[in-house]
């Protein structure tokens, strides 16, 4: 079965291209790139969820899984950073109040070349008066203030993933 492969990088995934039996298919790089982008928009996103509160983590993991995403739930900033640097991650959803400030992790990832494709969403506490401003200054693409409704988080993630395509 012929396959089209794209250059390595965070925006490309190998996509098999099926051709009728006995007919060779060739594609220009522009056609193959457009096809890859169209198909990758329908593939599940890999979301790293960095949340140390078990109840919130379970709820978000369940909701995002039901949305069709592949969710990797970690409880520390160090684990989240390790995964974001080692794997192709589409989005990081990160609690600000981890053992290490989530804003520090966000800034490191934004400054590195391995930032998640759709960016970082930070979740500060409502009681923090400057939480949203500080999260955006750290480089977050979006902020979701706790407490929140899981449907709102899912909608914000969908919006970010769609805008990255």
N, C-alpha and C. Protein backbone atom coordinates (compact mmCIF):
# COMPACT_ATOMS: atom_id res chain seq x y z
N UNK A 1 0.85 -1.16 0.00
CA UNK A 1 0.00 0.00 0.00
C UNK A 1 0.90 1.24 0.00
N UNK A 2 0.75 2.14 -0.97
CA UNK A 2 1.58 3.34 -1.01
C UNK A 2 1.25 4.25 0.16
N UNK A 3 2.26 4.94 0.65
CA UNK A 3 2.05 5.92 1.71
C UNK A 3 2.70 7.22 1.32
N UNK A 4 2.15 8.30 1.83
CA UNK A 4 2.77 9.61 1.65
C UNK A 4 3.35 10.00 3.00
N UNK A 5 4.59 10.39 3.00
CA UNK A 5 5.19 10.82 4.25
C UNK A 5 5.57 12.27 4.12
N UNK A 6 5.52 12.97 5.23
CA UNK A 6 5.84 14.38 5.26
C UNK A 6 7.11 14.58 6.07
N UNK A 7 7.73 15.74 5.93
CA UNK A 7 8.92 16.00 6.74
C UNK A 7 8.59 15.89 8.23
N UNK A 8 9.57 15.43 8.98
CA UNK A 8 9.36 15.31 10.43
C UNK A 8 9.10 16.68 11.02
N UNK A 9 8.24 16.73 11.97
CA UNK A 9 7.91 18.00 12.61
C UNK A 9 6.59 17.88 13.32
N UNK A 10 6.28 18.83 14.17
CA UNK A 10 5.07 18.71 14.98
C UNK A 10 3.78 18.79 14.19
N UNK A 11 3.78 19.39 12.99
CA UNK A 11 2.52 19.57 12.27
C UNK A 11 2.19 18.43 11.32
N UNK A 12 3.07 17.46 11.16
CA UNK A 12 2.84 16.41 10.18
C UNK A 12 2.82 15.04 10.81
N UNK A 13 1.92 14.22 10.33
CA UNK A 13 1.84 12.81 10.73
C UNK A 13 1.82 12.00 9.45
N UNK A 14 2.46 10.81 9.42
CA UNK A 14 2.38 9.99 8.21
C UNK A 14 0.93 9.57 7.97
N UNK A 15 0.46 9.73 6.75
CA UNK A 15 -0.92 9.40 6.40
C UNK A 15 -0.89 8.41 5.23
N UNK A 16 -1.49 7.22 5.39
CA UNK A 16 -1.54 6.30 4.25
C UNK A 16 -2.50 6.84 3.19
N UNK A 17 -2.09 6.77 1.94
CA UNK A 17 -2.94 7.19 0.83
C UNK A 17 -3.24 5.95 0.01
N UNK A 18 -4.51 5.59 -0.05
CA UNK A 18 -4.92 4.39 -0.75
C UNK A 18 -5.11 4.69 -2.23
N UNK A 19 -4.67 3.78 -3.07
CA UNK A 19 -4.83 3.93 -4.51
C UNK A 19 -5.48 2.66 -5.04
N UNK A 20 -6.27 2.77 -6.12
CA UNK A 20 -6.86 1.57 -6.71
C UNK A 20 -5.77 0.57 -7.08
N UNK A 21 -6.08 -0.68 -7.00
CA UNK A 21 -5.10 -1.74 -7.28
C UNK A 21 -4.52 -1.56 -8.68
N UNK A 22 -3.21 -1.65 -8.77
CA UNK A 22 -2.53 -1.60 -10.05
C UNK A 22 -2.30 -0.19 -10.57
N UNK A 23 -2.74 0.83 -9.88
CA UNK A 23 -2.55 2.20 -10.35
C UNK A 23 -1.66 2.94 -9.38
N UNK A 24 -0.57 3.41 -9.86
CA UNK A 24 0.33 4.18 -9.01
C UNK A 24 -0.19 5.60 -8.88
N UNK A 25 -0.13 6.16 -7.68
CA UNK A 25 -0.57 7.54 -7.46
C UNK A 25 0.64 8.38 -7.07
N UNK A 26 0.80 9.48 -7.73
CA UNK A 26 1.84 10.42 -7.34
C UNK A 26 1.18 11.74 -6.99
N UNK A 27 1.73 12.41 -6.03
CA UNK A 27 1.18 13.67 -5.56
C UNK A 27 2.28 14.71 -5.51
N UNK A 28 1.93 15.93 -5.86
CA UNK A 28 2.88 17.02 -5.65
C UNK A 28 2.99 17.24 -4.14
N UNK A 29 4.04 17.91 -3.72
CA UNK A 29 4.20 18.14 -2.28
C UNK A 29 3.07 19.03 -1.76
N UNK A 30 2.54 19.93 -2.58
CA UNK A 30 1.43 20.79 -2.14
C UNK A 30 0.16 19.97 -1.96
N UNK A 31 -0.12 19.06 -2.87
CA UNK A 31 -1.32 18.22 -2.76
C UNK A 31 -1.22 17.31 -1.55
N UNK A 32 -0.06 16.69 -1.37
CA UNK A 32 0.12 15.79 -0.23
C UNK A 32 0.03 16.56 1.08
N UNK A 33 0.57 17.78 1.13
CA UNK A 33 0.50 18.59 2.34
C UNK A 33 -0.95 18.98 2.65
N UNK A 34 -1.71 19.37 1.64
CA UNK A 34 -3.11 19.74 1.85
C UNK A 34 -3.91 18.53 2.32
N UNK A 35 -3.64 17.37 1.72
CA UNK A 35 -4.33 16.14 2.13
C UNK A 35 -4.01 15.81 3.59
N UNK A 36 -2.73 15.90 3.94
CA UNK A 36 -2.30 15.59 5.30
C UNK A 36 -2.96 16.52 6.30
N UNK A 37 -3.02 17.81 5.98
CA UNK A 37 -3.65 18.77 6.90
C UNK A 37 -5.13 18.49 7.05
N UNK A 38 -5.81 18.15 5.96
CA UNK A 38 -7.25 17.87 6.04
C UNK A 38 -7.53 16.63 6.88
N UNK A 39 -6.73 15.60 6.69
CA UNK A 39 -6.94 14.37 7.44
C UNK A 39 -6.53 14.55 8.90
N UNK A 40 -5.43 15.28 9.16
CA UNK A 40 -4.98 15.43 10.54
C UNK A 40 -5.97 16.23 11.38
N UNK A 41 -6.81 17.04 10.73
CA UNK A 41 -7.83 17.78 11.47
C UNK A 41 -8.87 16.85 12.08
N UNK A 42 -9.00 15.64 11.51
CA UNK A 42 -9.99 14.70 12.03
C UNK A 42 -9.38 13.68 12.99
N UNK A 43 -8.06 13.67 13.12
CA UNK A 43 -7.41 12.73 14.02
C UNK A 43 -7.53 13.23 15.46
N UNK A 44 -7.52 12.32 16.43
CA UNK A 44 -7.59 12.77 17.82
C UNK A 44 -6.33 13.55 18.20
N UNK A 45 -6.53 14.57 18.99
CA UNK A 45 -5.40 15.37 19.47
C UNK A 45 -4.79 14.70 20.69
N UNK A 46 -3.47 14.86 20.83
CA UNK A 46 -2.79 14.37 22.03
C UNK A 46 -2.71 15.55 23.00
N UNK A 47 -3.44 15.43 24.10
CA UNK A 47 -3.49 16.48 25.12
C UNK A 47 -2.82 15.97 26.38
N UNK A 48 -1.89 16.76 26.89
CA UNK A 48 -1.28 16.46 28.17
C UNK A 48 -2.01 17.29 29.22
N UNK A 49 -2.56 16.62 30.20
CA UNK A 49 -3.28 17.26 31.29
C UNK A 49 -2.40 17.21 32.53
N UNK A 50 -1.93 18.36 32.99
CA UNK A 50 -1.10 18.44 34.20
C UNK A 50 -1.97 18.98 35.33
N UNK A 51 -2.46 18.07 36.17
CA UNK A 51 -3.38 18.43 37.25
C UNK A 51 -3.11 17.53 38.44
N UNK A 52 -2.85 18.13 39.61
CA UNK A 52 -2.54 17.33 40.79
C UNK A 52 -3.77 17.03 41.65
N UNK A 53 -4.88 17.65 41.38
CA UNK A 53 -6.12 17.40 42.13
C UNK A 53 -6.86 16.23 41.47
N UNK A 54 -6.96 15.06 42.16
CA UNK A 54 -7.53 13.86 41.54
C UNK A 54 -8.94 14.04 40.96
N UNK A 55 -9.82 14.72 41.68
CA UNK A 55 -11.19 14.87 41.18
C UNK A 55 -11.23 15.68 39.88
N UNK A 56 -10.52 16.79 39.83
CA UNK A 56 -10.49 17.61 38.62
C UNK A 56 -9.83 16.84 37.48
N UNK A 57 -8.74 16.14 37.79
CA UNK A 57 -8.05 15.36 36.76
C UNK A 57 -8.94 14.29 36.16
N UNK A 58 -9.67 13.55 37.00
CA UNK A 58 -10.56 12.50 36.49
C UNK A 58 -11.68 13.08 35.63
N UNK A 59 -12.26 14.19 36.07
CA UNK A 59 -13.36 14.81 35.30
C UNK A 59 -12.86 15.29 33.95
N UNK A 60 -11.73 15.99 33.92
CA UNK A 60 -11.21 16.49 32.65
C UNK A 60 -10.75 15.36 31.74
N UNK A 61 -10.10 14.36 32.31
CA UNK A 61 -9.66 13.22 31.51
C UNK A 61 -10.87 12.54 30.86
N UNK A 62 -11.92 12.33 31.63
CA UNK A 62 -13.13 11.69 31.11
C UNK A 62 -13.76 12.53 30.01
N UNK A 63 -13.92 13.83 30.25
CA UNK A 63 -14.55 14.72 29.27
C UNK A 63 -13.75 14.79 27.97
N UNK A 64 -12.45 14.96 28.08
CA UNK A 64 -11.62 15.07 26.87
C UNK A 64 -11.54 13.76 26.12
N UNK A 65 -11.54 12.65 26.86
CA UNK A 65 -11.57 11.34 26.23
C UNK A 65 -12.88 11.15 25.46
N UNK A 66 -13.98 11.58 26.04
CA UNK A 66 -15.29 11.50 25.38
C UNK A 66 -15.34 12.38 24.14
N UNK A 67 -14.55 13.44 24.12
CA UNK A 67 -14.46 14.32 22.95
C UNK A 67 -13.62 13.68 21.84
N UNK A 68 -12.99 12.55 22.15
CA UNK A 68 -12.21 11.84 21.13
C UNK A 68 -10.73 12.12 21.16
N UNK A 69 -10.24 12.79 22.21
CA UNK A 69 -8.82 13.11 22.30
C UNK A 69 -8.06 12.01 23.04
N UNK A 70 -6.78 11.94 22.78
CA UNK A 70 -5.89 11.06 23.53
C UNK A 70 -5.32 11.89 24.68
N UNK A 71 -5.65 11.52 25.90
CA UNK A 71 -5.28 12.32 27.07
C UNK A 71 -4.21 11.59 27.88
N UNK A 72 -3.13 12.31 28.18
CA UNK A 72 -2.11 11.81 29.08
C UNK A 72 -2.18 12.68 30.33
N UNK A 73 -2.68 12.08 31.42
CA UNK A 73 -2.84 12.82 32.67
C UNK A 73 -1.62 12.60 33.55
N UNK A 74 -0.95 13.70 33.90
CA UNK A 74 0.20 13.66 34.80
C UNK A 74 -0.09 14.56 35.99
N UNK A 75 0.65 14.33 37.07
CA UNK A 75 0.37 15.08 38.31
C UNK A 75 1.44 16.10 38.67
N UNK A 76 2.51 16.17 37.87
CA UNK A 76 3.59 17.12 38.16
C UNK A 76 4.01 17.87 36.91
N UNK A 77 4.59 19.04 37.12
CA UNK A 77 5.10 19.83 36.01
C UNK A 77 6.27 19.13 35.33
N UNK A 78 7.09 18.44 36.13
CA UNK A 78 8.25 17.74 35.57
C UNK A 78 7.81 16.65 34.59
N UNK A 79 6.76 15.89 34.95
CA UNK A 79 6.25 14.85 34.04
C UNK A 79 5.68 15.48 32.77
N UNK A 80 4.95 16.57 32.93
CA UNK A 80 4.36 17.25 31.77
C UNK A 80 5.46 17.74 30.83
N UNK A 81 6.48 18.34 31.39
CA UNK A 81 7.58 18.85 30.57
C UNK A 81 8.30 17.71 29.85
N UNK A 82 8.54 16.61 30.56
CA UNK A 82 9.22 15.46 29.95
C UNK A 82 8.44 14.96 28.74
N UNK A 83 7.12 14.84 28.88
CA UNK A 83 6.29 14.34 27.77
C UNK A 83 6.26 15.34 26.63
N UNK A 84 6.11 16.62 26.95
CA UNK A 84 6.05 17.64 25.90
C UNK A 84 7.35 17.72 25.11
N UNK A 85 8.47 17.44 25.75
CA UNK A 85 9.76 17.48 25.06
C UNK A 85 10.05 16.19 24.29
N UNK A 86 9.47 15.07 24.74
CA UNK A 86 9.78 13.78 24.13
C UNK A 86 8.79 13.35 23.05
N UNK A 87 7.55 13.82 23.14
CA UNK A 87 6.52 13.35 22.22
C UNK A 87 5.90 14.51 21.45
N UNK A 88 5.13 14.16 20.45
CA UNK A 88 4.38 15.16 19.70
C UNK A 88 3.08 15.43 20.45
N UNK A 89 3.00 16.60 21.05
CA UNK A 89 1.84 16.98 21.86
C UNK A 89 1.10 18.11 21.15
N UNK A 90 -0.22 17.99 21.11
CA UNK A 90 -1.02 19.02 20.46
C UNK A 90 -1.37 20.16 21.41
N UNK A 91 -1.58 19.86 22.69
CA UNK A 91 -1.99 20.89 23.64
C UNK A 91 -1.64 20.47 25.05
N UNK A 92 -1.22 21.44 25.86
CA UNK A 92 -0.98 21.20 27.28
C UNK A 92 -2.02 21.97 28.06
N UNK A 93 -2.78 21.27 28.90
CA UNK A 93 -3.76 21.85 29.80
C UNK A 93 -3.15 21.74 31.19
N UNK A 94 -2.78 22.87 31.80
CA UNK A 94 -1.93 22.83 32.98
C UNK A 94 -2.49 23.65 34.14
N UNK A 95 -2.57 23.02 35.29
CA UNK A 95 -2.93 23.71 36.53
C UNK A 95 -1.79 24.66 36.90
N UNK A 96 -2.12 25.84 37.38
CA UNK A 96 -1.09 26.80 37.77
C UNK A 96 -0.47 26.41 39.10
N UNK A 97 -1.23 25.76 39.98
CA UNK A 97 -0.75 25.49 41.34
C UNK A 97 -0.20 24.08 41.50
N UNK A 98 0.62 23.64 40.57
CA UNK A 98 1.33 22.37 40.75
C UNK A 98 2.47 22.60 41.74
N UNK A 99 3.27 21.55 42.01
CA UNK A 99 4.39 21.71 42.95
C UNK A 99 5.37 22.76 42.44
N UNK A 100 5.44 22.90 41.12
CA UNK A 100 6.18 23.99 40.50
C UNK A 100 5.13 24.83 39.80
N UNK A 101 5.24 26.11 39.85
CA UNK A 101 4.25 27.00 39.24
C UNK A 101 4.07 26.63 37.77
N UNK A 102 2.83 26.38 37.38
CA UNK A 102 2.52 26.04 35.99
C UNK A 102 2.91 27.12 35.01
N UNK A 103 2.96 28.37 35.48
CA UNK A 103 3.37 29.48 34.60
C UNK A 103 4.84 29.35 34.23
N UNK A 104 5.66 28.85 35.14
CA UNK A 104 7.09 28.66 34.85
C UNK A 104 7.25 27.59 33.77
N UNK A 105 6.50 26.51 33.90
CA UNK A 105 6.52 25.45 32.88
C UNK A 105 6.07 26.01 31.54
N UNK A 106 4.99 26.77 31.55
CA UNK A 106 4.47 27.36 30.32
C UNK A 106 5.54 28.21 29.64
N UNK A 107 6.20 29.08 30.39
CA UNK A 107 7.23 29.95 29.83
C UNK A 107 8.37 29.14 29.23
N UNK A 108 8.81 28.07 29.94
CA UNK A 108 9.91 27.24 29.40
C UNK A 108 9.50 26.58 28.09
N UNK A 109 8.27 26.06 28.02
CA UNK A 109 7.83 25.39 26.80
C UNK A 109 7.65 26.38 25.65
N UNK A 110 7.11 27.54 25.95
CA UNK A 110 6.92 28.55 24.91
C UNK A 110 8.27 29.00 24.36
N UNK A 111 9.26 29.12 25.24
CA UNK A 111 10.59 29.55 24.82
C UNK A 111 11.36 28.44 24.09
N UNK A 112 10.94 27.19 24.25
CA UNK A 112 11.64 26.08 23.60
C UNK A 112 11.06 25.84 22.21
N UNK A 113 11.70 25.00 21.47
CA UNK A 113 11.20 24.66 20.13
C UNK A 113 10.20 23.52 20.17
N UNK A 114 9.89 22.99 21.35
CA UNK A 114 8.98 21.85 21.47
C UNK A 114 7.66 22.22 22.14
N UNK A 115 7.23 23.47 21.96
CA UNK A 115 5.95 23.88 22.50
C UNK A 115 4.85 23.06 21.84
N UNK A 116 3.81 22.68 22.59
CA UNK A 116 2.69 21.96 21.98
C UNK A 116 2.13 22.74 20.79
N UNK A 117 1.69 22.00 19.76
CA UNK A 117 1.23 22.59 18.50
C UNK A 117 0.18 23.67 18.69
N UNK A 118 -0.79 23.45 19.57
CA UNK A 118 -1.85 24.43 19.80
C UNK A 118 -1.61 25.27 21.04
N UNK A 119 -0.47 25.12 21.66
CA UNK A 119 -0.12 25.96 22.79
C UNK A 119 -0.45 25.36 24.14
N UNK A 120 -0.49 26.25 25.13
CA UNK A 120 -0.71 25.88 26.51
C UNK A 120 -1.95 26.61 27.03
N UNK A 121 -2.79 25.88 27.75
CA UNK A 121 -3.93 26.46 28.44
C UNK A 121 -3.64 26.35 29.93
N UNK A 122 -3.62 27.48 30.62
CA UNK A 122 -3.37 27.47 32.06
C UNK A 122 -4.68 27.61 32.83
N UNK A 123 -4.71 26.98 34.01
CA UNK A 123 -5.91 26.99 34.86
C UNK A 123 -5.58 27.57 36.23
N UNK A 124 -5.66 28.90 36.38
CA UNK A 124 -5.42 29.50 37.70
C UNK A 124 -6.67 29.43 38.58
N UNK A 125 -6.47 29.64 39.87
CA UNK A 125 -7.58 29.67 40.83
C UNK A 125 -8.32 30.99 40.72
N UNK A 126 -9.61 30.97 41.00
CA UNK A 126 -10.42 32.18 40.96
C UNK A 126 -9.95 33.19 42.00
N UNK A 127 -9.45 32.71 43.14
CA UNK A 127 -9.07 33.63 44.21
C UNK A 127 -7.79 34.41 43.90
N UNK A 128 -7.10 34.06 42.82
CA UNK A 128 -5.90 34.78 42.43
C UNK A 128 -6.30 36.01 41.61
N UNK A 129 -6.11 37.23 42.16
CA UNK A 129 -6.59 38.42 41.46
C UNK A 129 -5.90 38.67 40.12
N UNK A 130 -4.64 38.31 40.00
CA UNK A 130 -3.91 38.55 38.76
C UNK A 130 -3.66 37.26 37.98
N UNK A 131 -4.37 36.19 38.32
CA UNK A 131 -4.11 34.88 37.72
C UNK A 131 -4.20 34.88 36.21
N UNK A 132 -5.24 35.46 35.67
CA UNK A 132 -5.41 35.44 34.20
C UNK A 132 -4.33 36.27 33.52
N UNK A 133 -4.05 37.45 34.04
CA UNK A 133 -3.03 38.31 33.43
C UNK A 133 -1.66 37.64 33.47
N UNK A 134 -1.30 37.06 34.62
CA UNK A 134 0.00 36.41 34.76
C UNK A 134 0.12 35.18 33.85
N UNK A 135 -0.97 34.44 33.69
CA UNK A 135 -0.96 33.27 32.81
C UNK A 135 -0.72 33.69 31.36
N UNK A 136 -1.40 34.74 30.92
CA UNK A 136 -1.21 35.21 29.54
C UNK A 136 0.19 35.78 29.35
N UNK A 137 0.72 36.46 30.34
CA UNK A 137 2.09 36.97 30.24
C UNK A 137 3.12 35.84 30.19
N UNK A 138 2.78 34.69 30.76
CA UNK A 138 3.69 33.53 30.72
C UNK A 138 3.68 32.85 29.35
N UNK A 139 2.75 33.25 28.49
CA UNK A 139 2.72 32.69 27.14
C UNK A 139 1.56 31.75 26.87
N UNK A 140 0.62 31.64 27.80
CA UNK A 140 -0.53 30.76 27.58
C UNK A 140 -1.38 31.28 26.42
N UNK A 141 -1.89 30.37 25.60
CA UNK A 141 -2.80 30.75 24.50
C UNK A 141 -4.20 31.02 25.02
N UNK A 142 -4.54 30.42 26.16
CA UNK A 142 -5.86 30.61 26.76
C UNK A 142 -5.77 30.36 28.25
N UNK A 143 -6.78 30.88 28.97
CA UNK A 143 -6.85 30.72 30.41
C UNK A 143 -8.26 30.26 30.76
N UNK A 144 -8.35 29.27 31.64
CA UNK A 144 -9.63 28.80 32.16
C UNK A 144 -9.56 28.93 33.67
N UNK A 145 -10.40 29.81 34.23
CA UNK A 145 -10.39 30.08 35.67
C UNK A 145 -11.13 28.98 36.41
N UNK A 146 -10.51 28.47 37.49
CA UNK A 146 -11.16 27.49 38.36
C UNK A 146 -12.04 28.22 39.35
N UNK A 147 -13.20 27.70 39.69
CA UNK A 147 -13.83 26.48 39.17
C UNK A 147 -14.43 26.73 37.79
N UNK A 148 -14.57 25.67 37.01
CA UNK A 148 -15.06 25.78 35.64
C UNK A 148 -15.98 24.62 35.33
N UNK A 149 -16.70 24.74 34.23
CA UNK A 149 -17.52 23.64 33.73
C UNK A 149 -16.68 22.89 32.70
N UNK A 150 -16.63 21.56 32.79
CA UNK A 150 -15.84 20.78 31.83
C UNK A 150 -16.23 21.05 30.38
N UNK A 151 -17.50 21.35 30.12
CA UNK A 151 -17.91 21.64 28.75
C UNK A 151 -17.27 22.92 28.23
N UNK A 152 -17.04 23.89 29.11
CA UNK A 152 -16.37 25.14 28.71
C UNK A 152 -14.91 24.86 28.37
N UNK A 153 -14.26 24.03 29.18
CA UNK A 153 -12.87 23.66 28.90
C UNK A 153 -12.77 22.94 27.56
N UNK A 154 -13.67 22.00 27.32
CA UNK A 154 -13.67 21.24 26.06
C UNK A 154 -13.89 22.17 24.87
N UNK A 155 -14.79 23.13 25.01
CA UNK A 155 -15.05 24.08 23.91
C UNK A 155 -13.83 24.94 23.63
N UNK A 156 -13.15 25.40 24.67
CA UNK A 156 -11.94 26.22 24.50
C UNK A 156 -10.84 25.40 23.82
N UNK A 157 -10.70 24.15 24.21
CA UNK A 157 -9.69 23.29 23.59
C UNK A 157 -10.02 23.04 22.12
N UNK A 158 -11.28 22.78 21.83
CA UNK A 158 -11.70 22.59 20.43
C UNK A 158 -11.38 23.81 19.60
N UNK A 159 -11.64 24.99 20.15
CA UNK A 159 -11.36 26.25 19.45
C UNK A 159 -9.86 26.40 19.16
N UNK A 160 -9.02 26.10 20.14
CA UNK A 160 -7.59 26.21 19.94
C UNK A 160 -7.06 25.19 18.94
N UNK A 161 -7.55 23.97 19.02
CA UNK A 161 -7.12 22.93 18.07
C UNK A 161 -7.55 23.29 16.65
N UNK A 162 -8.75 23.81 16.50
CA UNK A 162 -9.22 24.19 15.17
C UNK A 162 -8.42 25.36 14.60
N UNK A 163 -8.05 26.30 15.47
CA UNK A 163 -7.31 27.47 14.98
C UNK A 163 -5.86 27.12 14.61
N UNK A 164 -5.35 26.02 15.13
CA UNK A 164 -3.98 25.60 14.82
C UNK A 164 -3.89 24.90 13.47
N UNK A 165 -5.02 24.39 12.97
CA UNK A 165 -5.00 23.64 11.71
C UNK A 165 -4.95 24.54 10.51
